[in-house]
Amino acid sequence: MNRNDENRSLKSSFSYALKGLIEIYKSQRNFRIQSLIGLIVLIVAIFADLTEVEFILLIFTVMLVLIMETVNTVTEKLLDFLHPFYSSSVKIIKDVSAAAVFITSIFAVAIGIIIFGDAFFNLSPQYGIILAIVFLLFLNLCGFIYKKREK
């Protein structure tokens, strides 16, 4: 492969990726909402007195939510393509994929509370940890109740 082919191939890769981003942005309301929230979070972070590690965590967290939403969309579109008719198994897979986005979003909020709570409100990081604990307690309680109903 010569240099021109490599450049063309790299250019094509970026072109396909950009088309994918445009598609997900146009078609997925949640992606638009999450990207707007991420933009606001990162703009606010500029005005906070944050460490490099806190900036890195915020960028990582914002991007992780967007990545998970993208994976969720791919999962849903692929399943709709492969199995256009209703299937309880497909529904479970889609629900679990959506749950991954939800868990990631809760993680992002907890990180945001820890970082911004301290930066703007002098709140202890424990508030973010409390949110994560409450979420996990809720998750386990729901699992316990559901298991009990199965019996």
C-alpha atoms as a PDB file:
ATOM      1  CA  MET A   1       0.000   0.000   0.000  1.00  0.00           C
ATOM      2  CA  ASN A   2       1.506   3.343  -0.983  1.00  0.00           C
ATOM      3  CA  ARG A   3       1.344   6.598   0.990  1.00  0.00           C
ATOM      4  CA  ASN A   4      -1.609   8.018  -1.005  1.00  0.00           C
ATOM      5  CA  ASP A   5      -3.695   4.895  -0.351  1.00  0.00           C
ATOM      6  CA  GLU A   6      -2.913   5.118   3.374  1.00  0.00           C
ATOM      7  CA  ASN A   7      -3.932   8.790   3.489  1.00  0.00           C
ATOM      8  CA  ARG A   8      -7.082   8.072   1.518  1.00  0.00           C
ATOM      9  CA  SER A   9      -7.881   5.161   3.823  1.00  0.00           C
ATOM     10  CA  LEU A  10      -7.356   7.316   6.918  1.00  0.00           C
ATOM     11  CA  LYS A  11      -9.462  10.074   5.360  1.00  0.00           C
ATOM     12  CA  SER A  12     -12.206   7.527   4.607  1.00  0.00           C
ATOM     13  CA  SER A  13     -12.107   6.256   8.191  1.00  0.00           C
ATOM     14  CA  PHE A  14     -12.586   9.759   9.558  1.00  0.00           C
ATOM     15  CA  SER A  15     -15.329  10.408   7.011  1.00  0.00           C
ATOM     16  CA  TYR A  16     -17.242   7.269   8.061  1.00  0.00           C
ATOM     17  CA  ALA A  17     -16.821   8.123  11.742  1.00  0.00           C
ATOM     18  CA  LEU A  18     -18.108  11.657  11.159  1.00  0.00           C
ATOM     19  CA  LYS A  19     -21.111  10.301   9.239  1.00  0.00           C
ATOM     20  CA  GLY A  20     -21.816   7.961  12.172  1.00  0.00           C
ATOM     21  CA  LEU A  21     -21.620  10.845  14.653  1.00  0.00           C
ATOM     22  CA  ILE A  22     -23.971  12.940  12.535  1.00  0.00           C
ATOM     23  CA  GLU A  23     -26.399  10.015  12.270  1.00  0.00           C
ATOM     24  CA  ILE A  24     -26.474   9.323  15.997  1.00  0.00           C
ATOM     25  CA  TYR A  25     -26.799  13.034  16.766  1.00  0.00           C
ATOM     26  CA  LYS A  26     -29.687  13.444  14.300  1.00  0.00           C
ATOM     27  CA  SER A  27     -31.556  10.284  15.269  1.00  0.00           C
ATOM     28  CA  GLN A  28     -30.987   9.873  19.016  1.00  0.00           C
ATOM     29  CA  ARG A  29     -32.599  12.390  21.371  1.00  0.00           C
ATOM     30  CA  ASN A  30     -30.779  11.002  24.412  1.00  0.00           C
ATOM     31  CA  PHE A  31     -27.405  11.408  22.693  1.00  0.00           C
ATOM     32  CA  ARG A  32     -28.226  15.064  21.966  1.00  0.00           C
ATOM     33  CA  ILE A  33     -29.278  15.651  25.581  1.00  0.00           C
ATOM     34  CA  GLN A  34     -26.219  13.868  26.967  1.00  0.00           C
ATOM     35  CA  SER A  35     -23.828  15.714  24.659  1.00  0.00           C
ATOM     36  CA  LEU A  36     -25.378  19.058  25.667  1.00  0.00           C
ATOM     37  CA  ILE A  37     -25.094  18.189  29.367  1.00  0.00           C
ATOM     38  CA  GLY A  38     -21.499  17.077  28.777  1.00  0.00           C
ATOM     39  CA  LEU A  39     -20.718  20.362  27.034  1.00  0.00           C
ATOM     40  CA  ILE A  40     -22.199  22.346  29.932  1.00  0.00           C
ATOM     41  CA  VAL A  41     -20.268  20.260  32.476  1.00  0.00           C
ATOM     42  CA  LEU A  42     -16.967  20.825  30.689  1.00  0.00           C
ATOM     43  CA  ILE A  43     -17.604  24.567  30.240  1.00  0.00           C
ATOM     44  CA  VAL A  44     -18.458  24.898  33.942  1.00  0.00           C
ATOM     45  CA  ALA A  45     -15.296  22.919  34.750  1.00  0.00           C
ATOM     46  CA  ILE A  46     -13.218  25.655  33.117  1.00  0.00           C
ATOM     47  CA  PHE A  47     -14.420  28.106  35.789  1.00  0.00           C
ATOM     48  CA  ALA A  48     -13.894  25.731  38.700  1.00  0.00           C
ATOM     49  CA  ASP A  49     -10.590  25.434  40.480  1.00  0.00           C
ATOM     50  CA  LEU A  50     -10.039  21.806  39.498  1.00  0.00           C
ATOM     51  CA  THR A  51      -6.954  19.653  39.492  1.00  0.00           C
ATOM     52  CA  GLU A  52      -5.702  17.937  36.346  1.00  0.00           C
ATOM     53  CA  VAL A  53      -7.003  14.634  37.672  1.00  0.00           C
ATOM     54  CA  GLU A  54     -10.482  16.121  38.212  1.00  0.00           C
ATOM     55  CA  PHE A  55     -10.491  17.501  34.648  1.00  0.00           C
ATOM     56  CA  ILE A  56      -9.424  14.121  33.308  1.00  0.00           C
ATOM     57  CA  LEU A  57     -12.149  12.364  35.323  1.00  0.00           C
ATOM     58  CA  LEU A  58     -14.801  14.765  34.020  1.00  0.00           C
ATOM     59  CA  ILE A  59     -13.710  14.363  30.398  1.00  0.00           C
ATOM     60  CA  PHE A  60     -13.518  10.578  30.826  1.00  0.00           C
ATOM     61  CA  THR A  61     -16.964  10.464  32.424  1.00  0.00           C
ATOM     62  CA  VAL A  62     -18.634  12.662  29.789  1.00  0.00           C
ATOM     63  CA  MET A  63     -17.106  10.630  26.969  1.00  0.00           C
ATOM     64  CA  LEU A  64     -17.991   7.334  28.663  1.00  0.00           C
ATOM     65  CA  VAL A  65     -21.688   8.301  28.788  1.00  0.00           C
ATOM     66  CA  LEU A  66     -21.607   9.212  25.082  1.00  0.00           C
ATOM     67  CA  ILE A  67     -19.776   5.995  24.207  1.00  0.00           C
ATOM     68  CA  MET A  68     -22.315   3.907  26.145  1.00  0.00           C
ATOM     69  CA  GLU A  69     -25.210   5.696  24.428  1.00  0.00           C
ATOM     70  CA  THR A  70     -23.574   4.967  21.070  1.00  0.00           C
ATOM     71  CA  VAL A  71     -23.100   1.279  21.939  1.00  0.00           C
ATOM     72  CA  ASN A  72     -26.727   1.138  23.109  1.00  0.00           C
ATOM     73  CA  THR A  73     -27.880   2.614  19.800  1.00  0.00           C
ATOM     74  CA  VAL A  74     -25.764   0.149  17.810  1.00  0.00           C
ATOM     75  CA  THR A  75     -27.203  -2.717  19.869  1.00  0.00           C
ATOM     76  CA  GLU A  76     -30.787  -1.578  19.292  1.00  0.00           C
ATOM     77  CA  LYS A  77     -30.319  -0.918  15.555  1.00  0.00           C
ATOM     78  CA  LEU A  78     -28.537  -4.234  15.013  1.00  0.00           C
ATOM     79  CA  LEU A  79     -31.211  -6.184  16.872  1.00  0.00           C
ATOM     80  CA  ASP A  80     -33.991  -4.400  14.966  1.00  0.00           C
ATOM     81  CA  PHE A  81     -32.237  -5.272  11.707  1.00  0.00           C
ATOM     82  CA  LEU A  82     -31.611  -8.917  12.605  1.00  0.00           C
ATOM     83  CA  HIS A  83     -34.943  -9.507  14.315  1.00  0.00           C
ATOM     84  CA  PRO A  84     -37.616  -7.075  13.036  1.00  0.00           C
ATOM     85  CA  PHE A  85     -40.464  -8.806  14.876  1.00  0.00           C
ATOM     86  CA  TYR A  86     -41.105  -8.674  18.607  1.00  0.00           C
ATOM     87  CA  SER A  87     -39.069 -11.076  20.688  1.00  0.00           C
ATOM     88  CA  SER A  88     -38.890 -11.211  24.467  1.00  0.00           C
ATOM     89  CA  SER A  89     -35.194 -12.131  24.209  1.00  0.00           C
ATOM     90  CA  VAL A  90     -34.463  -9.095  22.026  1.00  0.00           C
ATOM     91  CA  LYS A  91     -36.387  -6.907  24.475  1.00  0.00           C
ATOM     92  CA  ILE A  92     -34.253  -8.169  27.366  1.00  0.00           C
ATOM     93  CA  ILE A  93     -31.036  -7.479  25.430  1.00  0.00           C
ATOM     94  CA  LYS A  94     -32.221  -3.946  24.603  1.00  0.00           C
ATOM     95  CA  ASP A  95     -33.255  -3.332  28.218  1.00  0.00           C
ATOM     96  CA  VAL A  96     -29.884  -4.508  29.514  1.00  0.00           C
ATOM     97  CA  SER A  97     -28.104  -2.298  26.981  1.00  0.00           C
ATOM     98  CA  ALA A  98     -30.181   0.695  28.130  1.00  0.00           C
ATOM     99  CA  ALA A  99     -29.391  -0.222  31.741  1.00  0.00           C
ATOM    100  CA  ALA A 100     -25.674   0.067  30.943  1.00  0.00           C
ATOM    101  CA  VAL A 101     -26.261   3.666  29.834  1.00  0.00           C
ATOM    102  CA  PHE A 102     -28.303   4.350  32.970  1.00  0.00           C
ATOM    103  CA  ILE A 103     -25.612   2.940  35.272  1.00  0.00           C
ATOM    104  CA  THR A 104     -22.968   4.995  33.466  1.00  0.00           C
ATOM    105  CA  SER A 105     -25.118   8.119  33.843  1.00  0.00           C
ATOM    106  CA  ILE A 106     -25.514   7.537  37.590  1.00  0.00           C
ATOM    107  CA  PHE A 107     -21.733   7.080  37.780  1.00  0.00           C
ATOM    108  CA  ALA A 108     -21.304  10.396  35.920  1.00  0.00           C
ATOM    109  CA  VAL A 109     -23.656  12.226  38.291  1.00  0.00           C
ATOM    110  CA  ALA A 110     -21.846  10.802  41.323  1.00  0.00           C
ATOM    111  CA  ILE A 111     -18.482  11.935  39.897  1.00  0.00           C
ATOM    112  CA  GLY A 112     -19.990  15.350  39.128  1.00  0.00           C
ATOM    113  CA  ILE A 113     -21.316  15.709  42.675  1.00  0.00           C
ATOM    114  CA  ILE A 114     -17.938  14.767  44.125  1.00  0.00           C
ATOM    115  CA  ILE A 115     -15.987  17.186  41.912  1.00  0.00           C
ATOM    116  CA  PHE A 116     -18.393  20.138  41.597  1.00  0.00           C
ATOM    117  CA  GLY A 117     -19.816  19.785  45.094  1.00  0.00           C
ATOM    118  CA  ASP A 118     -16.375  20.414  46.491  1.00  0.00           C
ATOM    119  CA  ALA A 119     -15.422  23.094  43.936  1.00  0.00           C
ATOM    120  CA  PHE A 120     -18.579  25.219  44.187  1.00  0.00           C
ATOM    121  CA  PHE A 121     -20.393  24.360  47.405  1.00  0.00           C
ATOM    122  CA  ASN A 122     -17.647  23.060  49.675  1.00  0.00           C
ATOM    123  CA  LEU A 123     -19.566  19.789  49.930  1.00  0.00           C
ATOM    124  CA  SER A 124     -17.883  16.662  51.116  1.00  0.00           C
ATOM    125  CA  PRO A 125     -17.194  14.016  48.440  1.00  0.00           C
ATOM    126  CA  GLN A 126     -19.357  11.766  50.582  1.00  0.00           C
ATOM    127  CA  TYR A 127     -22.475  13.164  48.863  1.00  0.00           C
ATOM    128  CA  GLY A 128     -21.441  11.592  45.560  1.00  0.00           C
ATOM    129  CA  ILE A 129     -20.575   8.388  47.361  1.00  0.00           C
ATOM    130  CA  ILE A 130     -23.977   8.466  49.089  1.00  0.00           C
ATOM    131  CA  LEU A 131     -25.693   8.756  45.684  1.00  0.00           C
ATOM    132  CA  ALA A 132     -23.778   5.704  44.447  1.00  0.00           C
ATOM    133  CA  ILE A 133     -24.637   3.770  47.625  1.00  0.00           C
ATOM    134  CA  VAL A 134     -28.340   4.691  47.375  1.00  0.00           C
ATOM    135  CA  PHE A 135     -28.374   3.600  43.734  1.00  0.00           C
ATOM    136  CA  LEU A 136     -26.727   0.270  44.558  1.00  0.00           C
ATOM    137  CA  LEU A 137     -29.080  -0.279  47.504  1.00  0.00           C
ATOM    138  CA  PHE A 138     -32.047   0.459  45.239  1.00  0.00           C
ATOM    139  CA  LEU A 139     -30.669  -1.923  42.623  1.00  0.00           C
ATOM    140  CA  ASN A 140     -30.204  -4.713  45.162  1.00  0.00           C
ATOM    141  CA  LEU A 141     -33.629  -4.086  46.709  1.00  0.00           C
ATOM    142  CA  CYS A 142     -35.281  -4.301  43.291  1.00  0.00           C
ATOM    143  CA  GLY A 143     -33.390  -7.518  42.585  1.00  0.00           C
ATOM    144  CA  PHE A 144     -34.437  -8.971  45.941  1.00  0.00           C
ATOM    145  CA  ILE A 145     -38.110  -8.052  45.399  1.00  0.00           C
ATOM    146  CA  TYR A 146     -38.055  -9.426  41.860  1.00  0.00           C
ATOM    147  CA  LYS A 147     -36.451 -12.701  42.984  1.00  0.00           C
ATOM    148  CA  LYS A 148     -39.045 -13.045  45.740  1.00  0.00           C
ATOM    149  CA  ARG A 149     -41.893 -12.601  43.227  1.00  0.00           C
ATOM    150  CA  GLU A 150     -40.449 -15.343  41.016  1.00  0.00           C
ATOM    151  CA  LYS A 151     -40.828 -17.959  43.759  1.00  0.00           C
END
